[in-house]
Amino acid sequence: MSNHTTVELLWLEKRIENRVRFGRAASEKIIDGHRRVLSFAPGSIFAFVRWTSNDFGAVLSRIDILRAVAPGQRYSTVPCINPGGDSLLRLSGWPKVEHVLHLIEAMEALGINPADAAPEYWHHVHNRVSVNENPRTYTRSRHQAWLNRRRIAL
């Protein structure tokens, strides 16, 4: 039994799109042209985006930002993720998902990999966006403060 968290991805054009928006996968297994499985080491942070539509438009838009768990750690269950993950952010509805995607893009524009951002920032984003408020911007100075805290804690 692996100590990695696995994410099953599926893509069916104009119907289903399950993808990882960011994260450092430890391994990838391609099942076929529409399916693959990514594995993440414990402690890795990744964003999982799910989108489903029917003939009338989108019926599901969801983003989860999770931290992969080690065996024995508590976790939240999420469809397509085995066993689950430590939930840092969970939002649904296209306007909220789109807002988070824009925040991710802004972070990347600063040269910061969202997988390296402070986990507390994703909690903050979840709390603010879930009530239709704007979260604080993640800046280089915030990121440096997080890196310093993490280094001291090690």
N, C-alpha and C. Protein backbone atom coordinates (compact mmCIF):
# COMPACT_ATOMS: atom_id res chain seq x y z
N MET A 1 0.84 -1.18 0.00
CA MET A 1 0.00 0.00 0.00
C MET A 1 0.89 1.24 0.00
N SER A 2 0.61 2.17 -0.89
CA SER A 2 1.40 3.38 -1.03
C SER A 2 1.01 4.41 0.02
N ASN A 3 1.99 5.23 0.40
CA ASN A 3 1.68 6.32 1.33
C ASN A 3 1.37 7.60 0.58
N HIS A 4 1.22 7.50 -0.74
CA HIS A 4 0.90 8.67 -1.56
C HIS A 4 -0.61 8.86 -1.68
N THR A 5 -1.00 10.09 -1.94
CA THR A 5 -2.39 10.43 -2.24
C THR A 5 -2.54 10.38 -3.75
N THR A 6 -3.54 9.66 -4.23
CA THR A 6 -3.74 9.56 -5.68
C THR A 6 -4.96 10.38 -6.10
N VAL A 7 -4.84 10.94 -7.30
CA VAL A 7 -5.91 11.77 -7.87
C VAL A 7 -6.23 11.20 -9.25
N GLU A 8 -7.48 10.79 -9.43
CA GLU A 8 -7.93 10.24 -10.71
C GLU A 8 -8.47 11.39 -11.57
N LEU A 9 -7.87 11.57 -12.73
CA LEU A 9 -8.25 12.65 -13.62
C LEU A 9 -9.00 12.08 -14.82
N LEU A 10 -10.04 12.79 -15.23
CA LEU A 10 -10.85 12.37 -16.37
C LEU A 10 -11.16 13.59 -17.22
N TRP A 11 -11.07 13.43 -18.52
CA TRP A 11 -11.40 14.50 -19.43
C TRP A 11 -12.25 13.93 -20.57
N LEU A 12 -13.49 14.38 -20.67
CA LEU A 12 -14.38 14.05 -21.77
C LEU A 12 -14.83 15.39 -22.36
N GLU A 13 -14.43 15.66 -23.58
CA GLU A 13 -14.63 16.97 -24.18
C GLU A 13 -16.06 17.48 -24.01
N LYS A 14 -16.16 18.70 -23.49
CA LYS A 14 -17.42 19.42 -23.28
C LYS A 14 -18.37 18.73 -22.30
N ARG A 15 -17.88 17.74 -21.54
CA ARG A 15 -18.74 17.04 -20.58
C ARG A 15 -18.14 17.01 -19.17
N ILE A 16 -16.91 16.51 -19.06
CA ILE A 16 -16.28 16.35 -17.75
C ILE A 16 -14.82 16.75 -17.84
N GLU A 17 -14.39 17.56 -16.90
CA GLU A 17 -12.97 17.90 -16.82
C GLU A 17 -12.56 17.89 -15.36
N ASN A 18 -11.78 16.89 -14.99
CA ASN A 18 -11.18 16.81 -13.67
C ASN A 18 -9.70 17.00 -13.89
N ARG A 19 -9.12 18.04 -13.29
CA ARG A 19 -7.70 18.31 -13.53
C ARG A 19 -7.05 18.86 -12.28
N VAL A 20 -5.74 18.76 -12.26
CA VAL A 20 -4.95 19.36 -11.20
C VAL A 20 -4.44 20.68 -11.74
N ARG A 21 -4.77 21.78 -11.08
CA ARG A 21 -4.38 23.11 -11.55
C ARG A 21 -2.94 23.43 -11.18
N PHE A 22 -2.52 23.01 -9.97
CA PHE A 22 -1.12 23.14 -9.59
C PHE A 22 -0.79 22.03 -8.60
N GLY A 23 0.49 21.81 -8.43
CA GLY A 23 0.98 20.78 -7.53
C GLY A 23 2.12 20.02 -8.17
N ARG A 24 2.94 19.42 -7.33
CA ARG A 24 4.08 18.64 -7.82
C ARG A 24 3.78 17.16 -7.64
N ALA A 25 3.39 16.53 -8.73
CA ALA A 25 3.07 15.10 -8.68
C ALA A 25 4.35 14.29 -8.55
N ALA A 26 4.30 13.27 -7.69
CA ALA A 26 5.44 12.37 -7.53
C ALA A 26 5.49 11.36 -8.67
N SER A 27 4.32 11.03 -9.20
CA SER A 27 4.27 10.10 -10.34
C SER A 27 2.97 10.30 -11.10
N GLU A 28 2.97 9.79 -12.33
CA GLU A 28 1.80 9.88 -13.20
C GLU A 28 1.63 8.55 -13.92
N LYS A 29 0.40 8.07 -13.95
CA LYS A 29 0.09 6.84 -14.68
C LYS A 29 -1.02 7.16 -15.68
N ILE A 30 -0.73 6.96 -16.96
CA ILE A 30 -1.73 7.22 -18.00
C ILE A 30 -2.53 5.93 -18.21
N ILE A 31 -3.84 6.04 -18.04
CA ILE A 31 -4.73 4.89 -18.21
C ILE A 31 -5.11 4.75 -19.69
N ASP A 32 -5.60 5.85 -20.26
CA ASP A 32 -5.94 5.89 -21.69
C ASP A 32 -5.96 7.35 -22.11
N GLY A 33 -6.51 7.64 -23.28
CA GLY A 33 -6.51 9.01 -23.79
C GLY A 33 -7.34 9.99 -22.98
N HIS A 34 -8.18 9.48 -22.09
CA HIS A 34 -9.06 10.35 -21.31
C HIS A 34 -8.80 10.30 -19.81
N ARG A 35 -8.04 9.31 -19.36
CA ARG A 35 -7.86 9.12 -17.92
C ARG A 35 -6.39 8.95 -17.55
N ARG A 36 -6.05 9.52 -16.39
CA ARG A 36 -4.73 9.31 -15.82
C ARG A 36 -4.81 9.45 -14.32
N VAL A 37 -3.80 8.99 -13.63
CA VAL A 37 -3.75 9.04 -12.16
C VAL A 37 -2.44 9.70 -11.75
N LEU A 38 -2.55 10.73 -10.92
CA LEU A 38 -1.39 11.41 -10.36
C LEU A 38 -1.25 11.01 -8.90
N SER A 39 0.00 10.90 -8.44
CA SER A 39 0.27 10.60 -7.03
C SER A 39 1.05 11.75 -6.42
N PHE A 40 0.69 12.10 -5.19
CA PHE A 40 1.34 13.19 -4.46
C PHE A 40 1.89 12.67 -3.14
N ALA A 41 3.11 13.07 -2.84
CA ALA A 41 3.76 12.68 -1.59
C ALA A 41 3.09 13.40 -0.41
N PRO A 42 3.11 12.79 0.77
CA PRO A 42 2.54 13.46 1.95
C PRO A 42 3.12 14.86 2.14
N GLY A 43 2.25 15.80 2.44
CA GLY A 43 2.65 17.19 2.65
C GLY A 43 2.56 18.05 1.40
N SER A 44 2.45 17.42 0.23
CA SER A 44 2.34 18.17 -1.02
C SER A 44 1.00 18.88 -1.09
N ILE A 45 1.01 20.10 -1.60
CA ILE A 45 -0.23 20.87 -1.76
C ILE A 45 -0.56 20.93 -3.24
N PHE A 46 -1.83 20.69 -3.55
CA PHE A 46 -2.27 20.70 -4.94
C PHE A 46 -3.71 21.20 -5.03
N ALA A 47 -4.06 21.69 -6.23
CA ALA A 47 -5.42 22.16 -6.48
C ALA A 47 -6.08 21.19 -7.46
N PHE A 48 -7.28 20.74 -7.10
CA PHE A 48 -8.05 19.82 -7.90
C PHE A 48 -9.32 20.53 -8.36
N VAL A 49 -9.49 20.65 -9.66
CA VAL A 49 -10.63 21.36 -10.24
C VAL A 49 -11.53 20.35 -10.92
N ARG A 50 -12.83 20.42 -10.60
CA ARG A 50 -13.82 19.54 -11.25
C ARG A 50 -14.87 20.40 -11.92
N TRP A 51 -15.17 20.04 -13.15
CA TRP A 51 -16.17 20.75 -13.94
C TRP A 51 -16.96 19.72 -14.72
N THR A 52 -18.28 19.83 -14.68
CA THR A 52 -19.17 18.92 -15.41
C THR A 52 -20.27 19.74 -16.06
N SER A 53 -20.65 19.34 -17.28
CA SER A 53 -21.75 20.03 -17.95
C SER A 53 -22.66 19.02 -18.62
N ASN A 54 -23.82 19.51 -19.00
CA ASN A 54 -24.75 18.72 -19.80
C ASN A 54 -25.15 19.57 -21.00
N ASP A 55 -26.21 19.19 -21.68
CA ASP A 55 -26.63 19.93 -22.88
C ASP A 55 -27.06 21.36 -22.60
N PHE A 56 -27.32 21.69 -21.34
CA PHE A 56 -27.81 23.01 -20.98
C PHE A 56 -26.76 23.90 -20.33
N GLY A 57 -25.55 23.38 -20.14
CA GLY A 57 -24.48 24.19 -19.55
C GLY A 57 -23.83 23.49 -18.37
N ALA A 58 -23.01 24.23 -17.64
CA ALA A 58 -22.27 23.69 -16.50
C ALA A 58 -23.23 23.31 -15.38
N VAL A 59 -23.01 22.13 -14.81
CA VAL A 59 -23.83 21.69 -13.68
C VAL A 59 -22.98 21.58 -12.41
N LEU A 60 -21.66 21.56 -12.56
CA LEU A 60 -20.77 21.48 -11.40
C LEU A 60 -19.48 22.21 -11.71
N SER A 61 -19.10 23.10 -10.84
CA SER A 61 -17.79 23.74 -10.88
C SER A 61 -17.29 23.75 -9.44
N ARG A 62 -16.14 23.11 -9.22
CA ARG A 62 -15.62 23.01 -7.85
C ARG A 62 -14.11 23.04 -7.88
N ILE A 63 -13.54 23.67 -6.87
CA ILE A 63 -12.09 23.64 -6.68
C ILE A 63 -11.80 23.25 -5.24
N ASP A 64 -10.86 22.34 -5.08
CA ASP A 64 -10.38 21.92 -3.77
C ASP A 64 -8.87 22.13 -3.76
N ILE A 65 -8.36 22.79 -2.75
CA ILE A 65 -6.92 22.86 -2.55
C ILE A 65 -6.66 22.02 -1.31
N LEU A 66 -5.83 21.01 -1.52
CA LEU A 66 -5.61 19.99 -0.50
C LEU A 66 -4.13 19.79 -0.23
N ARG A 67 -3.85 19.30 0.97
CA ARG A 67 -2.51 18.86 1.32
C ARG A 67 -2.58 17.34 1.41
N ALA A 68 -1.71 16.65 0.67
CA ALA A 68 -1.67 15.19 0.71
C ALA A 68 -1.30 14.74 2.13
N VAL A 69 -1.94 13.68 2.58
CA VAL A 69 -1.76 13.21 3.95
C VAL A 69 -0.87 11.97 4.01
N ALA A 70 -0.25 11.79 5.17
CA ALA A 70 0.53 10.58 5.45
C ALA A 70 -0.41 9.56 6.08
N PRO A 71 -0.06 8.29 6.01
CA PRO A 71 -0.90 7.27 6.66
C PRO A 71 -1.13 7.60 8.13
N GLY A 72 -2.37 7.47 8.57
CA GLY A 72 -2.73 7.74 9.96
C GLY A 72 -3.17 9.17 10.23
N GLN A 73 -2.93 10.10 9.29
CA GLN A 73 -3.39 11.47 9.50
C GLN A 73 -4.86 11.59 9.15
N ARG A 74 -5.53 12.57 9.77
CA ARG A 74 -6.93 12.80 9.45
C ARG A 74 -7.03 13.46 8.08
N TYR A 75 -8.15 13.24 7.42
CA TYR A 75 -8.34 13.81 6.09
C TYR A 75 -9.81 13.95 5.78
N SER A 76 -10.09 14.80 4.80
CA SER A 76 -11.45 14.96 4.27
C SER A 76 -11.54 14.13 3.00
N THR A 77 -12.67 13.49 2.81
CA THR A 77 -12.84 12.74 1.58
C THR A 77 -13.28 13.67 0.46
N VAL A 78 -12.77 13.41 -0.72
CA VAL A 78 -13.08 14.19 -1.91
C VAL A 78 -13.22 13.19 -3.05
N PRO A 79 -14.27 13.29 -3.86
CA PRO A 79 -14.39 12.36 -4.98
C PRO A 79 -13.14 12.37 -5.86
N CYS A 80 -12.74 11.20 -6.29
CA CYS A 80 -11.59 10.99 -7.19
C CYS A 80 -10.24 11.09 -6.50
N ILE A 81 -10.22 11.31 -5.20
CA ILE A 81 -8.96 11.42 -4.46
C ILE A 81 -8.92 10.33 -3.40
N ASN A 82 -7.84 9.55 -3.41
CA ASN A 82 -7.70 8.43 -2.49
C ASN A 82 -6.44 8.61 -1.65
N PRO A 83 -6.49 8.63 -0.34
CA PRO A 83 -7.68 8.42 0.46
C PRO A 83 -8.52 9.68 0.62
N GLY A 84 -7.91 10.84 0.46
CA GLY A 84 -8.54 12.15 0.65
C GLY A 84 -7.41 13.11 0.92
N GLY A 85 -7.69 14.23 1.53
CA GLY A 85 -6.63 15.19 1.82
C GLY A 85 -7.03 16.14 2.93
N ASP A 86 -6.04 16.84 3.42
CA ASP A 86 -6.26 17.90 4.40
C ASP A 86 -6.78 19.10 3.62
N SER A 87 -8.05 19.43 3.82
CA SER A 87 -8.70 20.46 3.02
C SER A 87 -8.27 21.85 3.46
N LEU A 88 -7.66 22.59 2.53
CA LEU A 88 -7.27 23.97 2.78
C LEU A 88 -8.29 24.93 2.20
N LEU A 89 -8.95 24.51 1.12
CA LEU A 89 -9.96 25.33 0.46
C LEU A 89 -10.90 24.41 -0.28
N ARG A 90 -12.20 24.70 -0.20
CA ARG A 90 -13.20 23.94 -0.94
C ARG A 90 -14.32 24.90 -1.31
N LEU A 91 -14.43 25.20 -2.60
CA LEU A 91 -15.44 26.12 -3.07
C LEU A 91 -16.13 25.56 -4.29
N SER A 92 -17.40 25.91 -4.44
CA SER A 92 -18.13 25.47 -5.63
C SER A 92 -18.91 26.65 -6.21
N GLY A 93 -19.29 26.50 -7.47
CA GLY A 93 -19.96 27.56 -8.20
C GLY A 93 -18.94 28.30 -9.04
N TRP A 94 -19.24 28.46 -10.32
CA TRP A 94 -18.25 29.03 -11.23
C TRP A 94 -17.70 30.39 -10.81
N PRO A 95 -18.50 31.36 -10.33
CA PRO A 95 -17.91 32.65 -9.96
C PRO A 95 -16.83 32.51 -8.87
N LYS A 96 -17.05 31.66 -7.89
CA LYS A 96 -16.07 31.47 -6.82
C LYS A 96 -14.84 30.71 -7.32
N VAL A 97 -15.07 29.69 -8.12
CA VAL A 97 -13.96 28.93 -8.69
C VAL A 97 -13.10 29.84 -9.56
N GLU A 98 -13.76 30.65 -10.38
CA GLU A 98 -13.04 31.56 -11.26
C GLU A 98 -12.21 32.57 -10.45
N HIS A 99 -12.77 33.05 -9.34
CA HIS A 99 -12.06 33.99 -8.47
C HIS A 99 -10.76 33.35 -7.96
N VAL A 100 -10.86 32.12 -7.50
CA VAL A 100 -9.67 31.42 -6.99
C VAL A 100 -8.66 31.19 -8.12
N LEU A 101 -9.14 30.83 -9.30
CA LEU A 101 -8.23 30.63 -10.43
C LEU A 101 -7.47 31.92 -10.76
N HIS A 102 -8.14 33.06 -10.66
CA HIS A 102 -7.48 34.34 -10.89
C HIS A 102 -6.42 34.61 -9.81
N LEU A 103 -6.71 34.25 -8.57
CA LEU A 103 -5.73 34.43 -7.49
C LEU A 103 -4.50 33.55 -7.74
N ILE A 104 -4.73 32.35 -8.23
CA ILE A 104 -3.62 31.44 -8.55
C ILE A 104 -2.77 32.04 -9.66
N GLU A 105 -3.42 32.56 -10.70
CA GLU A 105 -2.69 33.18 -11.81
C GLU A 105 -1.88 34.39 -11.34
N ALA A 106 -2.45 35.19 -10.44
CA ALA A 106 -1.74 36.36 -9.91
C ALA A 106 -0.50 35.93 -9.13
N MET A 107 -0.62 34.86 -8.37
CA MET A 107 0.50 34.33 -7.61
C MET A 107 1.60 33.85 -8.56
N GLU A 108 1.20 33.14 -9.59
CA GLU A 108 2.17 32.66 -10.57
C GLU A 108 2.84 33.82 -11.31
N ALA A 109 2.11 34.90 -11.54
CA ALA A 109 2.68 36.08 -12.20
C ALA A 109 3.79 36.71 -11.36
N LEU A 110 3.74 36.50 -10.05
CA LEU A 110 4.80 36.99 -9.15
C LEU A 110 5.99 36.04 -9.12
N GLY A 111 5.88 34.91 -9.81
CA GLY A 111 6.95 33.92 -9.81
C GLY A 111 6.88 32.97 -8.62
N ILE A 112 5.72 32.91 -7.98
CA ILE A 112 5.53 32.03 -6.82
C ILE A 112 4.70 30.84 -7.24
N ASN A 113 5.20 29.64 -6.96
CA ASN A 113 4.43 28.44 -7.24
C ASN A 113 3.35 28.31 -6.16
N PRO A 114 2.07 28.25 -6.54
CA PRO A 114 1.00 28.16 -5.54
C PRO A 114 1.14 26.96 -4.60
N ALA A 115 1.82 25.92 -5.05
CA ALA A 115 2.04 24.75 -4.19
C ALA A 115 2.98 25.08 -3.04
N ASP A 116 3.73 26.17 -3.16
CA ASP A 116 4.67 26.58 -2.11
C ASP A 116 4.10 27.66 -1.20
N ALA A 117 2.90 28.15 -1.49
CA ALA A 117 2.30 29.23 -0.70
C ALA A 117 1.94 28.72 0.71
N ALA A 118 1.83 29.66 1.61
CA ALA A 118 1.46 29.32 2.99
C ALA A 118 0.08 28.65 3.02
N PRO A 119 -0.03 27.48 3.65
CA PRO A 119 -1.34 26.81 3.72
C PRO A 119 -2.41 27.69 4.35
N GLU A 120 -2.02 28.54 5.30
CA GLU A 120 -2.98 29.43 5.95
C GLU A 120 -3.59 30.41 4.95
N TYR A 121 -2.86 30.75 3.91
CA TYR A 121 -3.40 31.66 2.91
C TYR A 121 -4.60 31.02 2.22
N TRP A 122 -4.51 29.73 1.91
CA TRP A 122 -5.63 29.06 1.24
C TRP A 122 -6.84 28.98 2.16
N HIS A 123 -6.63 28.83 3.48
CA HIS A 123 -7.76 28.90 4.43
C HIS A 123 -8.40 30.28 4.38
N HIS A 124 -7.55 31.31 4.37
CA HIS A 124 -8.02 32.69 4.31
C HIS A 124 -8.85 32.90 3.04
N VAL A 125 -8.34 32.44 1.89
CA VAL A 125 -9.06 32.60 0.63
C VAL A 125 -10.40 31.89 0.71
N HIS A 126 -10.41 30.68 1.24
CA HIS A 126 -11.67 29.94 1.38
C HIS A 126 -12.68 30.74 2.20
N ASN A 127 -12.23 31.23 3.35
CA ASN A 127 -13.14 31.95 4.23
C ASN A 127 -13.68 33.23 3.60
N ARG A 128 -12.84 33.96 2.91
CA ARG A 128 -13.29 35.23 2.32
C ARG A 128 -14.15 35.01 1.08
N VAL A 129 -13.70 34.17 0.16
CA VAL A 129 -14.44 33.97 -1.09
C VAL A 129 -15.78 33.28 -0.82
N SER A 130 -15.84 32.42 0.18
CA SER A 130 -17.11 31.72 0.47
C SER A 130 -18.21 32.69 0.91
N VAL A 131 -17.83 33.88 1.40
CA VAL A 131 -18.83 34.88 1.78
C VAL A 131 -18.79 36.09 0.85
N ASN A 132 -18.27 35.87 -0.35
CA ASN A 132 -18.23 36.89 -1.40
C ASN A 132 -17.44 38.14 -1.02
N GLU A 133 -16.37 37.94 -0.28
CA GLU A 133 -15.44 39.03 0.07
C GLU A 133 -14.12 38.79 -0.66
N ASN A 134 -13.36 39.86 -0.86
CA ASN A 134 -12.06 39.72 -1.51
C ASN A 134 -10.99 39.38 -0.48
N PRO A 135 -10.21 38.33 -0.74
CA PRO A 135 -9.12 37.99 0.18
C PRO A 135 -7.94 38.95 0.00
N ARG A 136 -7.07 38.97 1.00
CA ARG A 136 -5.83 39.75 0.88
C ARG A 136 -5.01 39.16 -0.26
N THR A 137 -4.25 39.99 -0.91
CA THR A 137 -3.36 39.55 -1.98
C THR A 137 -2.16 38.83 -1.39
N TYR A 138 -1.76 37.76 -2.03
CA TYR A 138 -0.54 37.05 -1.63
C TYR A 138 0.61 37.76 -2.31
N THR A 139 1.51 38.31 -1.52
CA THR A 139 2.62 39.10 -2.05
C THR A 139 3.94 38.37 -1.84
N ARG A 140 4.98 38.89 -2.46
CA ARG A 140 6.31 38.31 -2.27
C ARG A 140 6.74 38.42 -0.81
N SER A 141 6.41 39.53 -0.16
CA SER A 141 6.81 39.70 1.25
C SER A 141 6.05 38.71 2.15
N ARG A 142 4.77 38.47 1.88
CA ARG A 142 4.02 37.45 2.63
C ARG A 142 4.65 36.09 2.43
N HIS A 143 5.01 35.82 1.17
CA HIS A 143 5.61 34.52 0.86
C HIS A 143 6.96 34.36 1.56
N GLN A 144 7.76 35.41 1.57
CA GLN A 144 9.05 35.35 2.25
C GLN A 144 8.87 35.12 3.75
N ALA A 145 7.86 35.77 4.33
CA ALA A 145 7.57 35.56 5.76
C ALA A 145 7.20 34.10 6.01
N TRP A 146 6.40 33.51 5.13
CA TRP A 146 6.03 32.10 5.27
C TRP A 146 7.27 31.21 5.16
N LEU A 147 8.12 31.47 4.19
CA LEU A 147 9.33 30.66 4.03
C LEU A 147 10.22 30.76 5.27
N ASN A 148 10.32 31.96 5.85
CA ASN A 148 11.12 32.13 7.07
C ASN A 148 10.50 31.36 8.24
N ARG A 149 9.17 31.43 8.41
CA ARG A 149 8.50 30.68 9.48
C ARG A 149 8.72 29.18 9.31
N ARG A 150 8.60 28.72 8.08
CA ARG A 150 8.75 27.27 7.81
C ARG A 150 10.19 26.83 8.11
N ARG A 151 11.16 27.65 7.72
CA ARG A 151 12.58 27.30 7.95
C ARG A 151 12.87 27.23 9.45
N ILE A 152 12.34 28.18 10.22
CA ILE A 152 12.56 28.22 11.68
C ILE A 152 11.90 27.01 12.34
N ALA A 153 10.74 26.61 11.84
CA ALA A 153 10.00 25.49 12.44
C ALA A 153 10.69 24.16 12.20
N LEU A 154 11.51 24.07 11.16
CA LEU A 154 12.21 22.82 10.86
C LEU A 154 13.34 22.69 11.81
